[in-house]
Protein backbone atom coordinates (compact mmCIF):
# COMPACT_ATOMS: atom_id res chain seq x y z
CA MET A 1 14.68 8.75 -0.98
CA ALA A 2 16.90 6.01 -3.28
CA LYS A 3 20.45 4.91 -1.49
CA LYS A 4 23.55 4.08 -2.71
CA ARG A 5 25.26 1.70 -1.24
CA PRO A 6 28.71 2.72 -0.46
CA GLN A 7 30.95 3.08 -3.31
CA THR A 8 33.60 1.10 -1.87
CA LYS A 9 31.72 -1.94 -2.80
CA ALA A 10 31.81 -1.32 -6.12
CA SER A 11 35.37 -0.63 -6.29
CA LYS A 12 35.96 -4.21 -5.31
CA PRO A 13 37.97 -6.24 -8.30
CA PRO A 14 35.73 -8.56 -10.06
CA HIS A 15 37.26 -11.86 -9.85
CA THR A 16 38.21 -12.99 -6.10
CA ASP A 17 38.34 -16.08 -4.77
CA ARG A 18 35.64 -16.25 -2.19
CA GLY A 19 32.71 -17.96 -2.70
CA ARG A 20 31.90 -21.77 -4.75
CA ALA A 21 29.53 -21.75 -8.03
CA ALA A 22 26.67 -23.94 -7.70
CA GLY A 23 27.93 -27.95 -8.43
CA ALA A 24 31.51 -27.25 -8.61
CA ASN A 25 33.82 -28.93 -6.46
CA GLU A 26 36.34 -26.29 -6.22
CA PRO A 27 36.08 -22.59 -5.20
CA VAL A 28 35.68 -20.60 -8.56
CA PRO A 29 35.85 -16.62 -8.50
CA VAL A 30 32.20 -15.29 -7.94
CA VAL A 31 31.53 -12.43 -10.04
CA GLY A 32 28.44 -9.85 -11.20
CA ALA A 33 25.21 -11.24 -11.88
CA ARG A 34 26.06 -9.36 -15.49
CA GLU A 35 29.39 -10.71 -15.96
CA PRO A 36 30.91 -13.74 -17.88
CA CYS A 37 30.24 -16.72 -15.73
CA PRO A 38 33.80 -17.69 -14.32
CA CYS A 39 32.58 -21.59 -15.29
CA GLY A 40 33.44 -20.31 -18.71
CA SER A 41 30.13 -21.06 -20.80
CA GLY A 42 30.14 -17.52 -22.21
CA ARG A 43 26.58 -16.98 -20.60
CA ARG A 44 26.36 -14.71 -17.64
CA TYR A 45 26.68 -15.99 -14.13
CA LYS A 46 22.93 -14.98 -13.38
CA ALA A 47 21.65 -17.21 -16.54
CA CYS A 48 24.56 -19.85 -15.78
CA HIS A 49 25.43 -20.76 -11.83
CA GLY A 50 24.18 -17.72 -10.55
CA ARG A 51 21.09 -19.12 -11.27
CA ALA A 52 20.95 -22.32 -9.04
CA ALA A 53 23.17 -20.55 -6.12
CA SER A 54 19.54 -17.89 -5.93
CA HIS A 55 17.55 -21.44 -5.94
CA ALA A 56 19.98 -22.09 -2.94
CA VAL A 57 19.08 -19.05 -1.02
CA THR A 58 17.23 -19.49 2.78
CA GLU A 59 14.30 -17.95 3.24
CA LEU A 60 15.37 -13.94 4.41
CA VAL A 61 15.94 -12.96 7.59
CA GLN A 62 14.20 -9.67 7.40
CA ARG A 63 16.63 -8.17 10.68
CA PRO A 64 19.75 -9.78 10.58
CA PHE A 65 21.37 -7.92 13.65
CA GLU A 66 18.41 -8.13 15.89
CA GLY A 67 19.18 -8.86 19.24
CA LEU A 68 22.95 -7.67 18.74
CA ALA A 69 24.11 -5.20 20.93
CA GLY A 70 24.65 -1.84 18.36
CA GLU A 71 21.45 -2.76 15.95
CA CYS A 72 21.40 0.70 14.31
CA ASP A 73 25.35 1.20 13.51
CA TRP A 74 25.72 -2.65 12.53
CA VAL A 75 22.77 -1.55 9.70
CA ALA A 76 25.04 1.42 9.00
CA LEU A 77 28.22 0.06 8.70
CA ARG A 78 26.85 -2.37 6.37
CA GLU A 79 25.00 0.12 4.09
CA LEU A 80 25.66 3.61 4.68
CA VAL A 81 29.63 4.20 6.39
CA PRO A 82 32.50 3.43 3.36
CA ALA A 83 35.28 2.76 5.82
CA ALA A 84 34.64 1.92 9.94
CA THR A 85 36.13 -0.52 12.33
CA VAL A 86 34.43 -2.09 15.80
CA GLU A 87 36.24 -4.03 18.05
CA LEU A 88 34.21 -7.13 19.12
CA THR A 89 33.90 -9.43 22.08
CA LEU A 90 32.96 -12.94 21.70
CA LYS A 91 30.91 -14.75 24.53
CA ASP A 92 33.51 -17.64 25.32
CA GLY A 93 36.12 -15.30 24.96
CA LEU A 94 39.37 -15.08 22.50
CA PRO A 95 40.56 -18.47 21.68
CA GLU A 96 44.24 -18.92 22.19
CA GLY A 97 46.69 -16.94 19.56
CA VAL A 98 44.00 -14.52 18.90
CA PRO A 99 44.53 -11.36 20.11
CA SER A 100 41.58 -9.18 18.62
CA VAL A 101 38.48 -9.60 16.56
CA THR A 102 37.73 -6.46 14.42
CA LEU A 103 34.71 -6.05 12.43
CA ALA A 104 35.74 -3.91 9.18
CA THR A 105 33.40 -2.64 6.60
CA VAL A 106 35.43 -3.50 3.81
CA LEU A 107 38.70 -5.31 3.68
CA PRO A 108 41.25 -5.42 0.74
CA MET A 109 40.52 -7.63 -2.74
CA ALA A 110 36.94 -7.66 -0.84
CA TRP A 111 37.87 -10.66 1.38
CA PRO A 112 35.37 -12.25 3.57
CA ALA A 113 38.09 -11.89 6.44
CA LEU A 114 41.44 -12.16 6.89
CA ARG A 115 43.75 -13.89 9.55
CA ARG A 116 46.77 -11.48 9.99
CA ASP A 117 50.35 -12.72 10.43
CA ASP A 118 49.85 -11.76 14.52
CA GLY A 119 46.88 -14.15 14.60
CA SER A 120 44.46 -11.20 15.09
CA VAL A 121 40.92 -11.26 12.95
CA LEU A 122 39.26 -8.76 10.74
CA LEU A 123 35.48 -9.77 9.73
CA GLY A 124 34.88 -7.57 6.45
CA LEU A 125 30.67 -6.77 6.67
CA GLN A 126 29.80 -5.26 3.34
CA ASN A 127 30.61 -8.63 1.06
CA ASP A 128 27.95 -10.16 -0.66
CA THR A 129 26.72 -13.73 1.11
CA SER A 130 25.39 -16.78 -0.29
CA SER A 131 22.41 -17.41 2.49
CA GLY A 132 19.51 -15.33 3.40
CA ASP A 133 20.76 -14.64 6.80
CA LEU A 134 23.22 -12.41 6.89
CA SER A 135 24.01 -13.10 10.60
CA ARG A 136 24.70 -17.02 9.81
CA ASP A 137 27.44 -16.20 6.56
CA LEU A 138 28.80 -13.43 9.00
CA ALA A 139 29.04 -15.96 11.89
CA ASP A 140 30.41 -18.81 9.38
CA THR A 141 32.86 -16.47 8.04
CA LEU A 142 34.22 -15.67 11.32
CA ASN A 143 34.26 -19.02 12.99
CA ARG A 144 36.35 -19.95 9.91
CA ALA A 145 38.66 -16.86 10.12
CA LEU A 146 38.99 -17.97 14.22
CA THR A 147 40.84 -21.51 12.98
CA SER A 148 42.62 -20.59 10.07
CA GLN A 149 46.15 -19.96 9.93
CA PRO A 150 47.81 -17.01 10.37
CA GLY A 151 48.85 -14.51 7.47
CA ASN A 152 45.99 -15.91 5.23
CA PRO A 153 42.53 -14.10 4.12
CA VAL A 154 39.48 -16.61 4.56
CA ALA A 155 37.54 -17.17 1.34
CA GLY A 156 33.63 -17.28 1.40
CA GLU A 157 31.59 -20.46 1.72
CA ARG A 158 28.12 -21.68 1.12
CA VAL A 159 26.65 -21.87 4.64
CA SER A 160 24.82 -24.53 5.93
CA GLY A 161 21.18 -23.28 7.33
CA ASP A 162 21.89 -24.52 10.83
CA GLY A 163 24.64 -22.91 11.81
CA PRO A 164 25.55 -20.38 14.53
CA ARG A 165 24.34 -16.70 13.74
CA LEU A 166 26.19 -13.90 15.32
CA GLN A 167 23.91 -13.48 17.67
CA ASP A 168 25.49 -17.23 19.60
CA LEU A 169 29.00 -16.02 19.18
CA LEU A 170 29.56 -12.20 20.16
CA ASP A 171 28.61 -10.80 24.08
CA PRO A 172 25.21 -9.55 23.81
CA ASP A 173 26.06 -6.80 26.65
CA ALA A 174 29.58 -5.63 25.19
CA ALA A 175 29.18 -2.42 23.92
CA PHE A 176 29.68 -1.52 20.28
CA ALA A 177 31.67 1.46 19.66
CA PRO A 178 32.18 1.93 15.57
CA VAL A 179 35.35 4.03 14.95
CA VAL A 180 34.78 5.53 11.83
CA HIS A 181 37.74 6.62 9.18
CA SER A 182 38.98 8.77 7.06
CA GLY A 183 40.17 5.76 4.33
CA PHE A 184 41.13 2.03 4.54
CA GLU A 185 44.66 2.68 6.15
CA PHE A 186 44.09 0.61 8.86
CA TRP A 187 43.98 -2.36 6.48
CA ILE A 188 47.76 -2.48 7.78
CA PRO A 189 49.04 -2.78 10.40
CA ASP A 190 51.63 -0.45 11.59
CA SER A 191 54.50 -3.29 11.77
CA ALA A 192 53.89 -4.27 8.75
CA GLU A 193 56.73 -2.37 6.23
CA ASN A 194 55.05 -2.96 2.74
CA ALA A 195 51.69 -3.81 1.65
CA THR A 196 51.52 -6.34 -1.47
CA PRO A 197 51.25 -4.73 -5.09
CA GLU A 198 47.52 -6.08 -4.71
CA VAL A 199 46.48 -4.82 -1.21
CA SER A 200 48.30 -1.19 -2.32
CA ALA A 201 46.12 -1.19 -5.64
CA SER A 202 42.80 -1.62 -3.35
CA LEU A 203 43.36 0.45 -1.08
CA GLU A 204 44.66 3.44 -3.36
CA ARG A 205 41.09 2.50 -5.62
CA ALA A 206 38.71 2.31 -1.77
CA ASN A 207 40.51 5.57 -0.46
CA ALA A 208 39.48 7.25 -4.10
CA ALA A 209 35.68 6.66 -4.26
CA ALA A 210 35.22 6.96 -0.31
CA ILE A 211 32.67 9.43 1.19
CA PRO A 212 33.65 11.44 4.06
CA THR A 213 31.70 10.51 6.46
CA VAL A 214 30.98 11.62 10.32
CA ARG A 215 29.06 9.51 13.07
CA LEU A 216 27.46 11.51 15.35
CA THR A 217 28.39 11.82 19.10
CA GLU A 218 24.92 13.95 20.19
CA VAL A 219 22.68 11.14 19.29
CA ASP A 220 22.71 7.31 18.70
CA SER A 221 23.25 5.79 14.74
CA ALA A 222 23.13 9.19 13.01
CA TYR A 223 25.75 9.91 9.94
CA TRP A 224 26.75 12.62 8.48
CA CYS A 225 28.20 12.32 4.82
CA GLU A 226 29.60 15.20 2.04
CA THR A 227 29.24 14.24 -1.81
CA PRO A 228 29.74 17.25 -4.20
CA ASP A 229 26.72 18.43 -4.72
CA LYS A 230 25.26 18.13 -0.63
CA ASN A 231 25.64 16.84 2.23
CA HIS A 232 23.16 14.37 3.83
CA LEU A 233 22.53 13.14 7.52
CA ARG A 234 21.33 9.17 7.24
CA TRP A 235 20.10 8.03 10.54
CA VAL A 236 18.88 4.25 11.15
CA MET A 237 16.21 4.37 14.30
CA PRO A 238 15.43 1.29 15.86
CA HIS A 239 11.47 2.48 16.41
CA PRO A 240 8.93 -0.01 14.59
CA GLU A 241 8.14 1.29 11.24
CA GLU A 242 4.42 2.15 11.52
CA LYS A 243 5.03 4.17 14.79
CA LEU A 244 7.99 5.75 13.45
CA LEU A 245 6.20 6.89 10.60
CA ASP A 246 3.20 8.40 12.38
CA ALA A 247 5.65 10.37 14.43
CA LEU A 248 7.53 11.52 11.09
CA ALA A 249 4.35 12.44 9.67
CA ARG A 250 3.09 14.92 13.21
CA LEU A 251 6.39 16.24 12.60
CA HIS A 252 6.72 17.47 9.13
CA ALA A 253 2.84 18.46 9.31
CA SER A 254 4.14 21.33 12.05
CA GLY A 255 7.41 22.13 10.24
CA ALA A 256 9.01 20.44 12.95
CA THR A 257 11.50 17.76 10.89
CA SER A 258 14.35 20.36 9.62
CA LEU A 259 17.48 20.59 10.84
CA GLY A 260 18.30 24.37 10.30
CA GLU A 261 18.04 26.86 8.09
CA GLY A 262 18.75 25.03 4.32
CA THR A 263 17.82 21.18 5.41
CA ARG A 264 15.42 19.18 4.60
CA LEU A 265 13.74 15.50 5.40
CA VAL A 266 13.83 14.14 2.51
CA GLY A 267 12.70 10.97 2.56
CA SER A 268 13.54 7.26 3.81
CA PHE A 269 14.46 3.48 2.90
CA ARG A 270 14.37 0.08 4.57
CA ALA A 271 17.20 -1.47 5.46
CA HIS A 272 17.67 -4.93 7.11
CA GLY A 273 14.52 -4.01 8.68
CA LEU A 274 14.81 -0.69 9.89
CA MET A 275 14.38 2.64 8.68
CA VAL A 276 16.50 5.52 7.56
CA PRO A 277 15.36 8.85 7.65
CA VAL A 278 17.59 10.75 5.36
CA TRP A 279 17.95 14.57 5.72
CA ASP A 280 19.85 17.05 2.67
CA LEU A 281 22.16 19.47 4.42
CA PRO A 282 23.43 22.84 2.99
CA THR A 283 27.10 22.20 1.50
CA GLY A 284 28.76 23.90 3.94
CA MET A 285 26.91 22.06 7.18
CA GLY A 286 29.36 20.08 8.58
CA ALA A 287 28.52 17.25 11.30
CA GLU A 288 29.63 19.46 13.84
CA GLU A 289 26.91 21.88 13.37
CA CYS A 290 24.62 19.00 13.04
CA GLU A 291 25.37 17.62 16.26
CA LYS A 292 22.82 20.51 18.47
CA PRO A 293 19.49 20.21 15.77
CA ALA A 294 19.50 16.28 15.91
CA ALA A 295 20.00 16.59 19.60
CA GLU A 296 16.71 18.65 19.50
CA PHE A 297 15.41 16.75 16.69
CA ALA A 298 15.76 13.86 19.08
CA GLU A 299 13.72 15.16 21.69
CA ARG A 300 10.79 16.41 19.18
CA LEU A 301 10.62 13.05 18.00
CA SER A 302 10.64 11.38 21.16
CA GLU A 303 7.69 13.59 22.19
CA ALA A 304 5.96 12.18 18.87
CA LEU A 305 6.33 8.76 19.31
CA ALA A 306 4.73 9.26 22.59
CA SER A 307 1.48 10.16 21.11
CA ASP A 308 -1.63 7.91 20.44
CA ALA A 309 -3.98 10.50 18.95
CA PRO A 310 -5.71 9.79 15.76
CA LEU A 311 -3.85 11.32 12.75
CA SER A 312 -5.25 15.02 11.20
CA PRO A 313 -5.89 15.25 7.69
CA GLU A 314 -2.98 17.17 7.27
CA GLU A 315 -0.56 14.82 8.92
CA ARG A 316 -1.90 11.85 7.10
CA ARG A 317 -1.26 13.44 4.18
CA ALA A 318 2.35 14.45 5.58
CA ARG A 319 2.49 10.82 6.22
CA GLY A 320 1.42 9.53 2.66
CA GLY A 321 3.84 11.73 1.01
CA LEU A 322 6.70 10.25 3.37
CA THR A 323 5.36 6.81 2.64
CA ASN A 324 5.68 7.23 -1.48
CA ARG A 325 8.99 8.41 -0.93
CA GLN A 326 10.31 4.94 0.93
CA VAL A 327 12.43 2.43 -0.70
CA THR A 328 13.94 -0.70 0.79
CA LEU A 329 17.47 -2.18 0.27
CA SER A 330 17.41 -6.49 0.14
């Protein structure tokens, strides 16, 4: 099933101060591939400086968050969740003058990172990146944010291929506990009396576009969301893809993938090396009503994953149907 990236990303202003055009010595605005190139050539970005930039992309790292605590939730916050934050723990502790480091799905004006007036750091997760290794790009932004002057956003830059990755900076044993928000008010600290007009406008756009989303508590990395036509459950799973497809096929063939009346497993997509099964839910089925059925499904899935028996003809047909409904998010 095709999945739309959280709409908050689409609401970002087309011109920001992040990134560099290939061959330029000064920062220039990064724009969409079909928008006019900011160099003033009159050509679309993808046919101008964007072409050279695409050639500079390093080999794609399929699982950039592998080895981090909460890998499945990293994927969910990158691809599914409009508004969420997570407190991050650094391996070497916080530098002097940095009271906290917080991962945020989106920051105002699509900033890659922000050093607040009090020295705390917000790191944006849903930004475009310059290389094929999202972990390395985020680590570079984080390192620059830690040493930037308080009260300033951090611009994106092209990243060296031998720089540190998040796995080198974050404590692998620290808990990764996302907090999902109904809006983006976390952008503005309680101590701030007024936000700039730009931030206020960005906040208004982001809140208007955000899809209501809730993280389930009875199972790991499953997120309920509400859309006008129907609700959905999108569940990031850590299991090897072939093994998971076999298990889902066994359950699907026996009618055991349902989460209750009116629910249906409609397919899955790949994101950052992991599979994300998706269920359609009735409009009236909220997150709380998903908790018990999801926990029961997790038990059935665990049993199916433990089976090494060859798939029956009916199970093979079910697997083919599931495979045909897969898409990959790059």
